[in-house]
């Protein structure tokens, strides 16, 4: 049956209501018409565009929902970054007394910048994962 792969992928990636309203009609068109040859490829392209548009819709909606939690994500990221930066300084052998006598040159600053950016990116990812919005449910599922 055509569209089975798109259906599995869509159910796995998309919210239930987005799947039902955006991708499911494209899959139903392919299954109803069952074209052959070049027309089949056009229908598969249409299903791919529907999947891409629905995925974009879900991601943008989740990011808008996530934007209300930016202050909490910022605080958690700052806490995690300071913790990991302190651990990096502690385990690198640089004591607090040695930091003031450190010879700062180009390669040291480049390495330090790389570590700080890496720590901040990892902390933003983990903090965002804690606040990512839950999956929406289709309206008909609430009525049952």
C-alpha atoms as a PDB file:
ATOM      1  CA  UNK A   1       0.000   0.000   0.000  1.00  0.00           C
ATOM      2  CA  UNK A   2       1.563   3.321  -1.016  1.00  0.00           C
ATOM      3  CA  UNK A   3       2.364   5.820   1.695  1.00  0.00           C
ATOM      4  CA  UNK A   4       2.956   3.338   4.508  1.00  0.00           C
ATOM      5  CA  UNK A   5       6.519   4.563   5.072  1.00  0.00           C
ATOM      6  CA  UNK A   6       5.382   8.205   5.123  1.00  0.00           C
ATOM      7  CA  UNK A   7       2.625   7.258   7.564  1.00  0.00           C
ATOM      8  CA  UNK A   8       5.056   5.596   9.985  1.00  0.00           C
ATOM      9  CA  UNK A   9       7.507   8.463   9.751  1.00  0.00           C
ATOM     10  CA  UNK A  10       4.753  11.040  10.176  1.00  0.00           C
ATOM     11  CA  UNK A  11       3.270   9.335  13.228  1.00  0.00           C
ATOM     12  CA  UNK A  12       6.723   9.168  14.780  1.00  0.00           C
ATOM     13  CA  UNK A  13       7.759  12.774  14.043  1.00  0.00           C
ATOM     14  CA  UNK A  14       4.558  14.810  14.113  1.00  0.00           C
ATOM     15  CA  UNK A  15       1.955  15.713  16.679  1.00  0.00           C
ATOM     16  CA  UNK A  16      -1.246  13.688  16.322  1.00  0.00           C
ATOM     17  CA  UNK A  17      -3.403  16.592  15.163  1.00  0.00           C
ATOM     18  CA  UNK A  18      -0.788  17.824  12.683  1.00  0.00           C
ATOM     19  CA  UNK A  19      -0.518  14.338  11.228  1.00  0.00           C
ATOM     20  CA  UNK A  20      -4.290  14.055  10.925  1.00  0.00           C
ATOM     21  CA  UNK A  21      -4.754  17.466   9.303  1.00  0.00           C
ATOM     22  CA  UNK A  22      -1.682  17.837   7.090  1.00  0.00           C
ATOM     23  CA  UNK A  23      -0.014  14.546   6.173  1.00  0.00           C
ATOM     24  CA  UNK A  24      -2.885  12.093   6.309  1.00  0.00           C
ATOM     25  CA  UNK A  25      -4.815  13.762   3.419  1.00  0.00           C
ATOM     26  CA  UNK A  26      -1.732  13.617   1.175  1.00  0.00           C
ATOM     27  CA  UNK A  27      -1.295   9.922   1.939  1.00  0.00           C
ATOM     28  CA  UNK A  28      -5.015   9.320   1.324  1.00  0.00           C
ATOM     29  CA  UNK A  29      -4.761  10.998  -2.094  1.00  0.00           C
ATOM     30  CA  UNK A  30      -1.954   8.675  -3.132  1.00  0.00           C
ATOM     31  CA  UNK A  31      -3.793   5.611  -1.866  1.00  0.00           C
ATOM     32  CA  UNK A  32      -7.059   6.606  -3.552  1.00  0.00           C
ATOM     33  CA  UNK A  33      -5.591   7.508  -6.923  1.00  0.00           C
ATOM     34  CA  UNK A  34      -2.823   4.862  -6.956  1.00  0.00           C
ATOM     35  CA  UNK A  35      -1.019   6.412  -9.948  1.00  0.00           C
ATOM     36  CA  UNK A  36       1.644   4.655 -11.981  1.00  0.00           C
ATOM     37  CA  UNK A  37       4.852   5.873 -13.587  1.00  0.00           C
ATOM     38  CA  UNK A  38       5.855   9.543 -13.371  1.00  0.00           C
ATOM     39  CA  UNK A  39       2.604  10.524 -11.665  1.00  0.00           C
ATOM     40  CA  UNK A  40       3.482   8.272  -8.727  1.00  0.00           C
ATOM     41  CA  UNK A  41       6.734  10.178  -8.193  1.00  0.00           C
ATOM     42  CA  UNK A  42       4.821  13.465  -8.205  1.00  0.00           C
ATOM     43  CA  UNK A  43       2.518  12.112  -5.504  1.00  0.00           C
ATOM     44  CA  UNK A  44       5.495  10.958  -3.440  1.00  0.00           C
ATOM     45  CA  UNK A  45       6.983  14.420  -3.827  1.00  0.00           C
ATOM     46  CA  UNK A  46       3.675  15.889  -2.650  1.00  0.00           C
ATOM     47  CA  UNK A  47       3.726  13.627   0.411  1.00  0.00           C
ATOM     48  CA  UNK A  48       7.319  14.674   1.136  1.00  0.00           C
ATOM     49  CA  UNK A  49       6.330  18.351   0.894  1.00  0.00           C
ATOM     50  CA  UNK A  50       3.364  17.742   3.212  1.00  0.00           C
ATOM     51  CA  UNK A  51       5.635  15.973   5.710  1.00  0.00           C
ATOM     52  CA  UNK A  52       8.203  18.782   5.553  1.00  0.00           C
ATOM     53  CA  UNK A  53       5.555  21.476   5.986  1.00  0.00           C
ATOM     54  CA  UNK A  54       3.917  19.651   8.890  1.00  0.00           C
ATOM     55  CA  UNK A  55       7.289  19.138  10.577  1.00  0.00           C
ATOM     56  CA  UNK A  56       8.107  22.832  10.141  1.00  0.00           C
ATOM     57  CA  UNK A  57       4.710  23.735  11.597  1.00  0.00           C
ATOM     58  CA  UNK A  58       5.252  21.522  14.660  1.00  0.00           C
ATOM     59  CA  UNK A  59       8.804  22.729  15.301  1.00  0.00           C
ATOM     60  CA  UNK A  60       7.873  26.395  14.991  1.00  0.00           C
ATOM     61  CA  UNK A  61       4.853  25.927  17.270  1.00  0.00           C
ATOM     62  CA  UNK A  62       7.012  24.120  19.847  1.00  0.00           C
ATOM     63  CA  UNK A  63       9.603  26.905  19.713  1.00  0.00           C
ATOM     64  CA  UNK A  64       6.911  29.539  20.259  1.00  0.00           C
ATOM     65  CA  UNK A  65       5.658  27.564  23.270  1.00  0.00           C
ATOM     66  CA  UNK A  66       9.233  27.150  24.492  1.00  0.00           C
ATOM     67  CA  UNK A  67       9.885  30.891  24.303  1.00  0.00           C
ATOM     68  CA  UNK A  68       7.749  31.437  27.408  1.00  0.00           C
ATOM     69  CA  UNK A  69      10.339  29.458  29.391  1.00  0.00           C
ATOM     70  CA  UNK A  70      13.404  31.366  28.179  1.00  0.00           C
ATOM     71  CA  UNK A  71      14.117  32.955  31.568  1.00  0.00           C
ATOM     72  CA  UNK A  72      14.190  29.594  33.343  1.00  0.00           C
ATOM     73  CA  UNK A  73      16.306  28.081  30.571  1.00  0.00           C
ATOM     74  CA  UNK A  74      18.740  31.001  30.869  1.00  0.00           C
ATOM     75  CA  UNK A  75      19.088  30.558  34.638  1.00  0.00           C
ATOM     76  CA  UNK A  76      19.597  26.800  34.332  1.00  0.00           C
ATOM     77  CA  UNK A  77      22.153  27.314  31.564  1.00  0.00           C
ATOM     78  CA  UNK A  78      24.082  29.849  33.657  1.00  0.00           C
ATOM     79  CA  UNK A  79      24.128  27.509  36.652  1.00  0.00           C
ATOM     80  CA  UNK A  80      25.297  24.546  34.592  1.00  0.00           C
ATOM     81  CA  UNK A  81      27.896  26.579  32.699  1.00  0.00           C
ATOM     82  CA  UNK A  82      29.409  28.006  35.864  1.00  0.00           C
ATOM     83  CA  UNK A  83      29.508  24.554  37.449  1.00  0.00           C
ATOM     84  CA  UNK A  84      31.243  22.945  34.468  1.00  0.00           C
ATOM     85  CA  UNK A  85      33.606  25.892  34.011  1.00  0.00           C
ATOM     86  CA  UNK A  86      34.631  25.615  37.671  1.00  0.00           C
ATOM     87  CA  UNK A  87      35.191  21.872  37.261  1.00  0.00           C
ATOM     88  CA  UNK A  88      37.271  22.519  34.151  1.00  0.00           C
ATOM     89  CA  UNK A  89      39.473  24.968  36.054  1.00  0.00           C
ATOM     90  CA  UNK A  90      39.672  22.629  39.053  1.00  0.00           C
ATOM     91  CA  UNK A  91      40.680  19.534  37.091  1.00  0.00           C
ATOM     92  CA  UNK A  92      43.038  21.355  34.743  1.00  0.00           C
ATOM     93  CA  UNK A  93      45.507  21.950  37.564  1.00  0.00           C
ATOM     94  CA  UNK A  94      45.002  25.704  37.554  1.00  0.00           C
ATOM     95  CA  UNK A  95      44.377  26.683  41.142  1.00  0.00           C
ATOM     96  CA  UNK A  96      42.876  30.030  41.982  1.00  0.00           C
ATOM     97  CA  UNK A  97      46.321  31.342  42.918  1.00  0.00           C
ATOM     98  CA  UNK A  98      47.770  30.293  39.560  1.00  0.00           C
ATOM     99  CA  UNK A  99      45.008  31.989  37.532  1.00  0.00           C
ATOM    100  CA  UNK A 100      46.327  35.438  38.451  1.00  0.00           C
ATOM    101  CA  UNK A 101      49.885  34.579  37.322  1.00  0.00           C
ATOM    102  CA  UNK A 102      48.828  32.906  34.083  1.00  0.00           C
ATOM    103  CA  UNK A 103      50.561  34.059  30.910  1.00  0.00           C
ATOM    104  CA  UNK A 104      47.673  34.838  28.565  1.00  0.00           C
ATOM    105  CA  UNK A 105      48.591  34.533  24.915  1.00  0.00           C
ATOM    106  CA  UNK A 106      46.745  33.784  21.648  1.00  0.00           C
ATOM    107  CA  UNK A 107      46.586  29.949  21.771  1.00  0.00           C
ATOM    108  CA  UNK A 108      45.461  29.943  25.405  1.00  0.00           C
ATOM    109  CA  UNK A 109      42.598  32.343  24.693  1.00  0.00           C
ATOM    110  CA  UNK A 110      41.566  30.320  21.631  1.00  0.00           C
ATOM    111  CA  UNK A 111      41.471  27.086  23.657  1.00  0.00           C
ATOM    112  CA  UNK A 112      39.618  28.777  26.485  1.00  0.00           C
ATOM    113  CA  UNK A 113      37.065  30.241  24.074  1.00  0.00           C
ATOM    114  CA  UNK A 114      36.538  26.825  22.495  1.00  0.00           C
ATOM    115  CA  UNK A 115      35.920  25.231  25.904  1.00  0.00           C
ATOM    116  CA  UNK A 116      33.571  27.968  27.068  1.00  0.00           C
ATOM    117  CA  UNK A 117      31.511  27.855  23.855  1.00  0.00           C
ATOM    118  CA  UNK A 118      31.314  24.055  23.981  1.00  0.00           C
ATOM    119  CA  UNK A 119      30.205  24.106  27.612  1.00  0.00           C
ATOM    120  CA  UNK A 120      27.542  26.746  26.912  1.00  0.00           C
ATOM    121  CA  UNK A 121      26.150  24.878  23.877  1.00  0.00           C
ATOM    122  CA  UNK A 122      25.909  21.609  25.806  1.00  0.00           C
ATOM    123  CA  UNK A 123      24.220  23.371  28.727  1.00  0.00           C
ATOM    124  CA  UNK A 124      21.688  25.111  26.455  1.00  0.00           C
ATOM    125  CA  UNK A 125      20.814  21.771  24.836  1.00  0.00           C
ATOM    126  CA  UNK A 126      20.274  20.009  28.155  1.00  0.00           C
ATOM    127  CA  UNK A 127      18.297  22.910  29.651  1.00  0.00           C
ATOM    128  CA  UNK A 128      16.087  23.124  26.564  1.00  0.00           C
ATOM    129  CA  UNK A 129      15.452  19.388  26.720  1.00  0.00           C
ATOM    130  CA  UNK A 130      14.111  19.819  30.258  1.00  0.00           C
ATOM    131  CA  UNK A 131      11.613  22.464  29.133  1.00  0.00           C
ATOM    132  CA  UNK A 132      10.622  21.105  25.696  1.00  0.00           C
ATOM    133  CA  UNK A 133       6.817  21.219  25.374  1.00  0.00           C
ATOM    134  CA  UNK A 134       4.925  17.922  25.631  1.00  0.00           C
ATOM    135  CA  UNK A 135       3.212  16.364  22.643  1.00  0.00           C
ATOM    136  CA  UNK A 136      -0.186  17.817  21.754  1.00  0.00           C
ATOM    137  CA  UNK A 137      -3.120  15.511  21.379  1.00  0.00           C
ATOM    138  CA  UNK A 138      -5.810  15.581  18.753  1.00  0.00           C
ATOM    139  CA  UNK A 139      -9.102  17.128  19.869  1.00  0.00           C
ATOM    140  CA  UNK A 140     -11.029  13.905  19.177  1.00  0.00           C
ATOM    141  CA  UNK A 141      -8.852  11.990  21.630  1.00  0.00           C
ATOM    142  CA  UNK A 142     -10.083  14.190  24.473  1.00  0.00           C
ATOM    143  CA  UNK A 143     -13.702  13.507  23.633  1.00  0.00           C
ATOM    144  CA  UNK A 144     -13.429   9.706  23.875  1.00  0.00           C
END
